[in-house]
């Protein structure tokens, strides 16, 4: 092994420690099952190893990983072999957020909404940052966030009535 390989392995340990849990939560929100989420995390980390990207700063690095994970989730959902293998209750436990009823409602939303809500409210990203990660315009993200909040509100009202 050369020094570059040793440095890459040390960086790999840091990357896993910093991002594996977050990537898993993003993937579970998007895919709603543990097995596919684990595969996405694995694939995102492999993509980092293969591409060896250079980042401007920690936020750029984090945004890159989220964007890769979301794109891998989209690809997986399009694949013919994609199936939901875990019940939604199990996914809510995996995410272990402080308000499980709210999280359950977010998980019930279509992925285009749940992903935006998760990135904005759970990970704390701004509209501009989300737009950059997902390759969308800021106005489109604002509009979709508005629709996502409206849909979440509607779903929560219906669940209270039912």
C-alpha atoms as a PDB file:
ATOM      1  CA  UNK A   1       0.000   0.000   0.000  1.00  0.00           C
ATOM      2  CA  UNK A   2       1.201   3.478  -0.740  1.00  0.00           C
ATOM      3  CA  UNK A   3       0.645   6.652   1.259  1.00  0.00           C
ATOM      4  CA  UNK A   4      -2.205   7.754  -1.011  1.00  0.00           C
ATOM      5  CA  UNK A   5      -4.066   4.533  -0.291  1.00  0.00           C
ATOM      6  CA  UNK A   6      -3.526   4.957   3.458  1.00  0.00           C
ATOM      7  CA  UNK A   7      -4.835   8.525   3.256  1.00  0.00           C
ATOM      8  CA  UNK A   8      -7.856   7.356   1.264  1.00  0.00           C
ATOM      9  CA  UNK A   9      -8.623   4.646   3.841  1.00  0.00           C
ATOM     10  CA  UNK A  10      -8.420   7.162   6.687  1.00  0.00           C
ATOM     11  CA  UNK A  11     -10.683   9.513   4.739  1.00  0.00           C
ATOM     12  CA  UNK A  12     -13.046   6.601   4.099  1.00  0.00           C
ATOM     13  CA  UNK A  13     -13.392   6.008   7.822  1.00  0.00           C
ATOM     14  CA  UNK A  14     -14.208   9.673   8.343  1.00  0.00           C
ATOM     15  CA  UNK A  15     -16.719   9.669   5.484  1.00  0.00           C
ATOM     16  CA  UNK A  16     -18.533   6.626   6.864  1.00  0.00           C
ATOM     17  CA  UNK A  17     -18.598   8.117  10.373  1.00  0.00           C
ATOM     18  CA  UNK A  18     -19.896  11.468   9.110  1.00  0.00           C
ATOM     19  CA  UNK A  19     -22.412  10.460   6.463  1.00  0.00           C
ATOM     20  CA  UNK A  20     -23.521   6.824   6.633  1.00  0.00           C
ATOM     21  CA  UNK A  21     -26.352   7.387   9.130  1.00  0.00           C
ATOM     22  CA  UNK A  22     -27.618  10.500   7.370  1.00  0.00           C
ATOM     23  CA  UNK A  23     -27.533   8.795   3.965  1.00  0.00           C
ATOM     24  CA  UNK A  24     -29.395   5.842   5.429  1.00  0.00           C
ATOM     25  CA  UNK A  25     -32.131   8.134   6.799  1.00  0.00           C
ATOM     26  CA  UNK A  26     -32.465   9.904   3.435  1.00  0.00           C
ATOM     27  CA  UNK A  27     -32.700   6.563   1.622  1.00  0.00           C
ATOM     28  CA  UNK A  28     -35.234   5.118   4.099  1.00  0.00           C
ATOM     29  CA  UNK A  29     -37.402   8.217   3.682  1.00  0.00           C
ATOM     30  CA  UNK A  30     -37.241   7.878  -0.065  1.00  0.00           C
ATOM     31  CA  UNK A  31     -37.428   4.097  -0.522  1.00  0.00           C
ATOM     32  CA  UNK A  32     -39.302   3.083   2.628  1.00  0.00           C
ATOM     33  CA  UNK A  33     -37.358  -0.118   3.201  1.00  0.00           C
ATOM     34  CA  UNK A  34     -34.182  -1.007   4.996  1.00  0.00           C
ATOM     35  CA  UNK A  35     -32.558  -3.331   2.465  1.00  0.00           C
ATOM     36  CA  UNK A  36     -32.725  -0.910  -0.443  1.00  0.00           C
ATOM     37  CA  UNK A  37     -31.619   1.959   1.816  1.00  0.00           C
ATOM     38  CA  UNK A  38     -28.551  -0.018   2.896  1.00  0.00           C
ATOM     39  CA  UNK A  39     -27.739  -0.720  -0.754  1.00  0.00           C
ATOM     40  CA  UNK A  40     -28.007   2.979  -1.603  1.00  0.00           C
ATOM     41  CA  UNK A  41     -25.612   3.916   1.210  1.00  0.00           C
ATOM     42  CA  UNK A  42     -23.167   1.269   0.015  1.00  0.00           C
ATOM     43  CA  UNK A  43     -23.449   2.447  -3.590  1.00  0.00           C
ATOM     44  CA  UNK A  44     -22.993   6.110  -2.606  1.00  0.00           C
ATOM     45  CA  UNK A  45     -19.826   5.271  -0.689  1.00  0.00           C
ATOM     46  CA  UNK A  46     -18.533   3.205  -3.612  1.00  0.00           C
ATOM     47  CA  UNK A  47     -19.247   6.104  -5.960  1.00  0.00           C
ATOM     48  CA  UNK A  48     -17.126   8.331  -3.692  1.00  0.00           C
ATOM     49  CA  UNK A  49     -14.278   5.796  -3.819  1.00  0.00           C
ATOM     50  CA  UNK A  50     -14.487   5.475  -7.607  1.00  0.00           C
ATOM     51  CA  UNK A  51     -14.755   9.172  -8.429  1.00  0.00           C
ATOM     52  CA  UNK A  52     -12.465  10.546  -5.678  1.00  0.00           C
ATOM     53  CA  UNK A  53     -14.126  13.976  -5.847  1.00  0.00           C
ATOM     54  CA  UNK A  54     -12.467  17.044  -4.382  1.00  0.00           C
ATOM     55  CA  UNK A  55     -14.766  19.250  -2.312  1.00  0.00           C
ATOM     56  CA  UNK A  56     -14.576  22.984  -1.572  1.00  0.00           C
ATOM     57  CA  UNK A  57     -15.695  22.492   2.023  1.00  0.00           C
ATOM     58  CA  UNK A  58     -17.695  20.213   4.340  1.00  0.00           C
ATOM     59  CA  UNK A  59     -21.058  21.534   3.117  1.00  0.00           C
ATOM     60  CA  UNK A  60     -20.120  20.831  -0.502  1.00  0.00           C
ATOM     61  CA  UNK A  61     -19.085  17.318   0.516  1.00  0.00           C
ATOM     62  CA  UNK A  62     -22.347  16.703   2.408  1.00  0.00           C
ATOM     63  CA  UNK A  63     -24.437  18.087  -0.466  1.00  0.00           C
ATOM     64  CA  UNK A  64     -22.604  15.824  -2.927  1.00  0.00           C
ATOM     65  CA  UNK A  65     -23.380  12.735  -0.849  1.00  0.00           C
ATOM     66  CA  UNK A  66     -27.057  13.677  -0.498  1.00  0.00           C
ATOM     67  CA  UNK A  67     -27.381  14.347  -4.207  1.00  0.00           C
ATOM     68  CA  UNK A  68     -25.766  11.011  -5.057  1.00  0.00           C
ATOM     69  CA  UNK A  69     -28.013   9.190  -2.569  1.00  0.00           C
ATOM     70  CA  UNK A  70     -31.192  10.835  -3.893  1.00  0.00           C
ATOM     71  CA  UNK A  71     -30.220  10.024  -7.485  1.00  0.00           C
ATOM     72  CA  UNK A  72     -29.470   6.417  -6.535  1.00  0.00           C
ATOM     73  CA  UNK A  73     -32.859   6.219  -4.803  1.00  0.00           C
ATOM     74  CA  UNK A  74     -34.588   7.543  -7.921  1.00  0.00           C
ATOM     75  CA  UNK A  75     -32.767   4.985 -10.065  1.00  0.00           C
ATOM     76  CA  UNK A  76     -33.676   2.177  -7.678  1.00  0.00           C
ATOM     77  CA  UNK A  77     -37.362   3.186  -7.656  1.00  0.00           C
ATOM     78  CA  UNK A  78     -37.385   3.083 -11.466  1.00  0.00           C
ATOM     79  CA  UNK A  79     -35.873  -0.397 -11.607  1.00  0.00           C
ATOM     80  CA  UNK A  80     -38.154  -3.343 -12.312  1.00  0.00           C
ATOM     81  CA  UNK A  81     -36.856  -5.215  -9.288  1.00  0.00           C
ATOM     82  CA  UNK A  82     -37.797  -2.478  -6.802  1.00  0.00           C
ATOM     83  CA  UNK A  83     -40.296  -3.707  -4.243  1.00  0.00           C
ATOM     84  CA  UNK A  84     -41.273  -2.462  -0.851  1.00  0.00           C
ATOM     85  CA  UNK A  85     -40.084  -5.055   1.582  1.00  0.00           C
ATOM     86  CA  UNK A  86     -40.630  -3.338   4.915  1.00  0.00           C
ATOM     87  CA  UNK A  87     -43.784  -1.970   6.486  1.00  0.00           C
ATOM     88  CA  UNK A  88     -43.945   1.754   7.106  1.00  0.00           C
ATOM     89  CA  UNK A  89     -44.024   1.315  10.899  1.00  0.00           C
ATOM     90  CA  UNK A  90     -40.627  -0.372  10.733  1.00  0.00           C
ATOM     91  CA  UNK A  91     -39.178   2.526   8.720  1.00  0.00           C
ATOM     92  CA  UNK A  92     -40.410   5.057  11.246  1.00  0.00           C
ATOM     93  CA  UNK A  93     -38.601   3.154  14.001  1.00  0.00           C
ATOM     94  CA  UNK A  94     -35.427   3.087  11.920  1.00  0.00           C
ATOM     95  CA  UNK A  95     -35.392   6.825  11.502  1.00  0.00           C
ATOM     96  CA  UNK A  96     -35.868   7.311  15.275  1.00  0.00           C
ATOM     97  CA  UNK A  97     -36.940  10.937  15.104  1.00  0.00           C
ATOM     98  CA  UNK A  98     -38.422  12.736  18.120  1.00  0.00           C
ATOM     99  CA  UNK A  99     -41.959  13.028  16.680  1.00  0.00           C
ATOM    100  CA  UNK A 100     -42.783   9.592  15.247  1.00  0.00           C
ATOM    101  CA  UNK A 101     -46.371  10.479  14.327  1.00  0.00           C
ATOM    102  CA  UNK A 102     -45.175  13.445  12.269  1.00  0.00           C
ATOM    103  CA  UNK A 103     -42.419  11.374  10.715  1.00  0.00           C
ATOM    104  CA  UNK A 104     -44.940   8.676   9.822  1.00  0.00           C
ATOM    105  CA  UNK A 105     -47.070  11.295   8.064  1.00  0.00           C
ATOM    106  CA  UNK A 106     -44.012  12.580   6.174  1.00  0.00           C
ATOM    107  CA  UNK A 107     -43.078   9.021   5.159  1.00  0.00           C
ATOM    108  CA  UNK A 108     -46.590   8.472   3.824  1.00  0.00           C
ATOM    109  CA  UNK A 109     -46.188  11.332   1.360  1.00  0.00           C
ATOM    110  CA  UNK A 110     -44.952  10.705  -2.183  1.00  0.00           C
ATOM    111  CA  UNK A 111     -41.125  10.712  -2.343  1.00  0.00           C
ATOM    112  CA  UNK A 112     -41.016  14.019  -4.230  1.00  0.00           C
ATOM    113  CA  UNK A 113     -42.551  15.639  -1.140  1.00  0.00           C
ATOM    114  CA  UNK A 114     -41.028  13.580   1.655  1.00  0.00           C
ATOM    115  CA  UNK A 115     -37.490  14.105   0.340  1.00  0.00           C
ATOM    116  CA  UNK A 116     -37.902  17.884   0.254  1.00  0.00           C
ATOM    117  CA  UNK A 117     -39.471  18.020   3.717  1.00  0.00           C
ATOM    118  CA  UNK A 118     -36.757  15.795   5.138  1.00  0.00           C
ATOM    119  CA  UNK A 119     -33.886  17.806   3.665  1.00  0.00           C
ATOM    120  CA  UNK A 120     -35.402  21.123   4.700  1.00  0.00           C
ATOM    121  CA  UNK A 121     -36.735  20.366   8.170  1.00  0.00           C
ATOM    122  CA  UNK A 122     -34.731  17.382   9.395  1.00  0.00           C
ATOM    123  CA  UNK A 123     -31.334  18.157   7.847  1.00  0.00           C
ATOM    124  CA  UNK A 124     -31.725  21.952   7.917  1.00  0.00           C
ATOM    125  CA  UNK A 125     -30.922  22.735   4.285  1.00  0.00           C
ATOM    126  CA  UNK A 126     -32.068  25.982   2.702  1.00  0.00           C
ATOM    127  CA  UNK A 127     -34.163  26.119  -0.454  1.00  0.00           C
ATOM    128  CA  UNK A 128     -31.078  27.211  -2.405  1.00  0.00           C
ATOM    129  CA  UNK A 129     -29.027  24.266  -1.110  1.00  0.00           C
ATOM    130  CA  UNK A 130     -31.800  21.778  -1.877  1.00  0.00           C
ATOM    131  CA  UNK A 131     -32.173  23.203  -5.375  1.00  0.00           C
ATOM    132  CA  UNK A 132     -28.459  22.681  -5.968  1.00  0.00           C
ATOM    133  CA  UNK A 133     -28.513  19.137  -4.595  1.00  0.00           C
ATOM    134  CA  UNK A 134     -31.490  18.054  -6.656  1.00  0.00           C
ATOM    135  CA  UNK A 135     -30.628  19.984  -9.807  1.00  0.00           C
ATOM    136  CA  UNK A 136     -33.823  22.068  -9.696  1.00  0.00           C
ATOM    137  CA  UNK A 137     -34.530  25.773  -9.673  1.00  0.00           C
ATOM    138  CA  UNK A 138     -35.094  27.560  -6.376  1.00  0.00           C
ATOM    139  CA  UNK A 139     -38.622  28.587  -7.347  1.00  0.00           C
ATOM    140  CA  UNK A 140     -39.466  24.998  -8.213  1.00  0.00           C
ATOM    141  CA  UNK A 141     -38.205  23.838  -4.813  1.00  0.00           C
ATOM    142  CA  UNK A 142     -40.153  26.605  -3.046  1.00  0.00           C
ATOM    143  CA  UNK A 143     -43.288  25.640  -4.913  1.00  0.00           C
ATOM    144  CA  UNK A 144     -42.830  21.937  -4.216  1.00  0.00           C
ATOM    145  CA  UNK A 145     -42.120  22.620  -0.532  1.00  0.00           C
ATOM    146  CA  UNK A 146     -45.336  24.626  -0.339  1.00  0.00           C
ATOM    147  CA  UNK A 147     -47.284  21.778  -1.959  1.00  0.00           C
ATOM    148  CA  UNK A 148     -45.564  19.273   0.322  1.00  0.00           C
ATOM    149  CA  UNK A 149     -46.566  21.255   3.423  1.00  0.00           C
ATOM    150  CA  UNK A 150     -50.133  21.576   2.140  1.00  0.00           C
ATOM    151  CA  UNK A 151     -50.297  17.860   1.421  1.00  0.00           C
ATOM    152  CA  UNK A 152     -48.851  17.033   4.849  1.00  0.00           C
ATOM    153  CA  UNK A 153     -51.394  19.305   6.523  1.00  0.00           C
ATOM    154  CA  UNK A 154     -54.230  17.665   4.568  1.00  0.00           C
ATOM    155  CA  UNK A 155     -53.016  14.156   5.424  1.00  0.00           C
ATOM    156  CA  UNK A 156     -52.692  15.014   9.107  1.00  0.00           C
ATOM    157  CA  UNK A 157     -56.186  16.521   9.222  1.00  0.00           C
ATOM    158  CA  UNK A 158     -57.609  13.425   7.545  1.00  0.00           C
ATOM    159  CA  UNK A 159     -55.842  11.116   9.981  1.00  0.00           C
ATOM    160  CA  UNK A 160     -57.238  13.118  12.923  1.00  0.00           C
ATOM    161  CA  UNK A 161     -60.763  12.820  11.507  1.00  0.00           C
ATOM    162  CA  UNK A 162     -60.426   9.134  10.698  1.00  0.00           C
END
